[in-house]
Amino acid sequence: MRVLLTLLTGAVLMLACQSKRQRAEKMRELSLLDEKEASGWKMRLRYLPENGKDTSAWNLVLRVEHASGLPQKMLNDPKFSFGIDSLFEVITPADTVAPFMAIRVANGHTNGAEYMITFDRSALRHSTGVQLRFRDWLFSQRDLYFPLNVTSIHQLDSIYTRI
């Protein structure tokens, strides 16, 4: 009887861990919104799920790395850290939304930069045609558009709150 009870408990625990692992993997897949390469720079846009406390804002992280992987001394210039909020905007079918905040994340990487951009959640009311515009005059000197999958963002928020 004890052996049967132990096996049953072990099976339940394995299933619970497996489902939690599956949710974490699904979160990882959904959080990557888009990748682009321009003028030797790789740009990866990710969504940061809401933390449950403040639901009025949502965050995106744009990581920019040089394709060579070598340290880039030019990134020490203040123009890569200050006044970057004017480089980003979310374009919806009804409006263009400027960020509340855009900051360079101090993460110690010498071959690129990482930016966290915070927007008002009202831009997510539209489910199609939403995109992030990056006026990239720092790296590739062109406008880059990252389509935002609003359905994935809502799914990721839902999964994140259940973990």
Protein backbone atom coordinates (compact mmCIF):
# COMPACT_ATOMS: atom_id res chain seq x y z
CA MET A 1 0.00 0.00 0.00
CA ARG A 2 2.81 2.40 0.89
CA VAL A 3 4.61 1.60 -2.35
CA LEU A 4 1.48 2.32 -4.37
CA LEU A 5 0.90 5.59 -2.51
CA THR A 6 4.56 6.61 -3.03
CA LEU A 7 4.39 5.84 -6.75
CA LEU A 8 1.14 7.76 -7.12
CA THR A 9 2.59 10.79 -5.29
CA GLY A 10 5.73 10.66 -7.45
CA ALA A 11 3.66 10.55 -10.64
CA VAL A 12 1.60 13.56 -9.57
CA LEU A 13 4.76 15.54 -8.71
CA MET A 14 6.36 14.67 -12.05
CA LEU A 15 3.26 15.83 -13.94
CA ALA A 16 3.15 19.08 -11.96
CA CYS A 17 6.83 19.80 -12.67
CA GLN A 18 6.37 18.93 -16.33
CA SER A 19 3.45 21.33 -16.76
CA LYS A 20 5.40 24.11 -15.02
CA ARG A 21 8.36 23.43 -17.31
CA GLN A 22 6.05 23.51 -20.34
CA ARG A 23 4.60 26.85 -19.23
CA ALA A 24 8.12 28.27 -18.82
CA GLU A 25 9.10 27.05 -22.31
CA LYS A 26 5.91 28.54 -23.78
CA MET A 27 6.76 31.86 -22.08
CA ARG A 28 10.22 31.82 -23.63
CA GLU A 29 8.76 31.22 -27.11
CA LEU A 30 6.10 33.91 -26.78
CA SER A 31 8.36 36.59 -25.31
CA LEU A 32 10.56 36.85 -28.42
CA LEU A 33 8.62 39.17 -30.69
CA ASP A 34 11.02 39.80 -33.56
CA GLU A 35 14.64 39.79 -34.72
CA LYS A 36 16.21 42.01 -37.36
CA GLU A 37 19.67 42.58 -38.77
CA ALA A 38 20.75 45.92 -40.20
CA SER A 39 24.18 47.27 -41.09
CA GLY A 40 26.04 44.60 -39.14
CA TRP A 41 23.88 44.93 -36.00
CA LYS A 42 21.53 42.23 -34.69
CA MET A 43 18.42 43.53 -32.96
CA ARG A 44 16.21 41.32 -30.82
CA LEU A 45 12.92 42.58 -29.39
CA ARG A 46 11.42 40.84 -26.36
CA TYR A 47 8.35 41.44 -24.24
CA LEU A 48 8.61 41.55 -20.43
CA PRO A 49 5.44 40.13 -18.83
CA GLU A 50 3.56 42.25 -16.32
CA ASN A 51 4.44 41.69 -12.68
CA GLY A 52 0.84 41.75 -11.51
CA LYS A 53 1.15 44.96 -9.49
CA ASP A 54 0.95 47.63 -12.16
CA THR A 55 -1.20 46.74 -15.15
CA SER A 56 -1.24 50.22 -16.70
CA ALA A 57 2.14 49.84 -18.44
CA TRP A 58 3.95 47.22 -20.48
CA ASN A 59 7.64 46.79 -21.19
CA LEU A 60 9.67 45.82 -24.22
CA VAL A 61 13.40 45.09 -24.26
CA LEU A 62 15.44 45.76 -27.39
CA ARG A 63 18.87 44.15 -27.40
CA VAL A 64 21.29 45.42 -30.06
CA GLU A 65 24.52 43.49 -30.63
CA HIS A 66 27.25 43.85 -33.21
CA ALA A 67 27.34 40.85 -35.53
CA SER A 68 31.09 40.40 -34.99
CA GLY A 69 30.66 39.94 -31.24
CA LEU A 70 33.67 42.18 -30.62
CA PRO A 71 33.62 45.08 -28.14
CA GLN A 72 32.46 48.36 -29.66
CA LYS A 73 34.14 51.43 -28.11
CA MET A 74 31.69 53.82 -29.77
CA LEU A 75 28.95 52.59 -27.40
CA ASN A 76 30.55 54.61 -24.59
CA ASP A 77 29.38 57.81 -26.29
CA PRO A 78 26.56 59.48 -24.28
CA LYS A 79 24.29 59.59 -27.35
CA PHE A 80 23.74 55.83 -26.93
CA SER A 81 22.32 56.39 -23.43
CA PHE A 82 20.59 59.76 -23.26
CA GLY A 83 17.57 61.10 -25.16
CA ILE A 84 16.67 57.68 -26.54
CA ASP A 85 12.97 57.96 -25.70
CA SER A 86 12.47 59.88 -28.95
CA LEU A 87 13.73 56.86 -30.93
CA PHE A 88 10.78 54.61 -30.10
CA GLU A 89 7.01 54.68 -30.67
CA VAL A 90 4.20 52.16 -30.96
CA ILE A 91 2.03 52.56 -34.05
CA THR A 92 -1.54 51.30 -33.82
CA PRO A 93 -4.34 51.61 -36.41
CA ALA A 94 -5.81 54.51 -34.45
CA ASP A 95 -2.83 56.31 -32.91
CA THR A 96 0.91 56.61 -32.41
CA VAL A 97 2.02 56.18 -28.79
CA ALA A 98 5.26 57.57 -27.37
CA PRO A 99 6.92 55.68 -24.51
CA PHE A 100 6.59 56.68 -20.85
CA MET A 101 10.21 55.79 -20.41
CA ALA A 102 13.13 54.44 -22.41
CA ILE A 103 16.40 53.65 -20.66
CA ARG A 104 19.62 51.91 -21.53
CA VAL A 105 20.09 48.87 -19.32
CA ALA A 106 23.52 48.78 -17.67
CA ASN A 107 24.33 45.11 -18.16
CA GLY A 108 28.08 45.14 -18.81
CA HIS A 109 27.93 43.98 -22.44
CA THR A 110 30.60 45.69 -24.53
CA ASN A 111 29.48 44.50 -27.97
CA GLY A 112 26.03 46.05 -27.88
CA ALA A 113 23.35 47.85 -25.93
CA GLU A 114 20.06 46.90 -24.33
CA TYR A 115 17.12 49.26 -23.99
CA MET A 116 13.98 48.88 -21.87
CA ILE A 117 10.99 50.76 -23.25
CA THR A 118 7.77 51.26 -21.25
CA PHE A 119 4.45 52.09 -22.93
CA ASP A 120 0.88 52.70 -21.83
CA ARG A 121 -1.12 49.47 -21.98
CA SER A 122 -3.91 51.24 -23.90
CA ALA A 123 -1.96 50.62 -27.11
CA LEU A 124 -2.67 46.89 -26.67
CA ARG A 125 -6.41 47.37 -27.18
CA HIS A 126 -5.88 46.83 -30.89
CA SER A 127 -5.17 43.22 -31.77
CA THR A 128 -3.83 43.71 -35.29
CA GLY A 129 -1.58 46.19 -37.02
CA VAL A 130 0.42 47.11 -33.91
CA GLN A 131 4.14 47.68 -34.41
CA LEU A 132 7.12 49.23 -32.70
CA ARG A 133 8.96 51.85 -34.72
CA PHE A 134 12.65 52.25 -33.92
CA ARG A 135 14.11 55.39 -35.47
CA ASP A 136 17.59 53.98 -35.50
CA TRP A 137 20.00 56.82 -36.12
CA LEU A 138 22.47 55.27 -33.66
CA PHE A 139 23.32 51.94 -35.30
CA SER A 140 21.95 51.49 -38.83
CA GLN A 141 20.67 55.00 -39.71
CA ARG A 142 17.21 53.79 -40.81
CA ASP A 143 13.73 53.27 -39.46
CA LEU A 144 13.04 49.72 -38.32
CA TYR A 145 9.55 48.33 -37.72
CA PHE A 146 8.95 45.42 -35.36
CA PRO A 147 5.45 43.89 -35.61
CA LEU A 148 3.91 43.22 -32.20
CA ASN A 149 1.78 40.12 -31.79
CA VAL A 150 -0.73 41.38 -29.22
CA THR A 151 -2.30 37.92 -28.86
CA SER A 152 1.08 36.49 -27.80
CA ILE A 153 1.52 39.34 -25.33
CA HIS A 154 -1.84 38.60 -23.70
CA GLN A 155 -1.07 34.84 -23.63
CA LEU A 156 2.30 35.50 -22.02
CA ASP A 157 0.73 37.68 -19.34
CA SER A 158 -1.79 34.93 -18.63
CA ILE A 159 0.90 32.23 -18.37
CA TYR A 160 3.15 34.43 -16.24
CA THR A 161 0.45 35.11 -13.67
CA ARG A 162 -0.18 31.36 -13.28
CA ILE A 163 3.45 30.41 -12.54
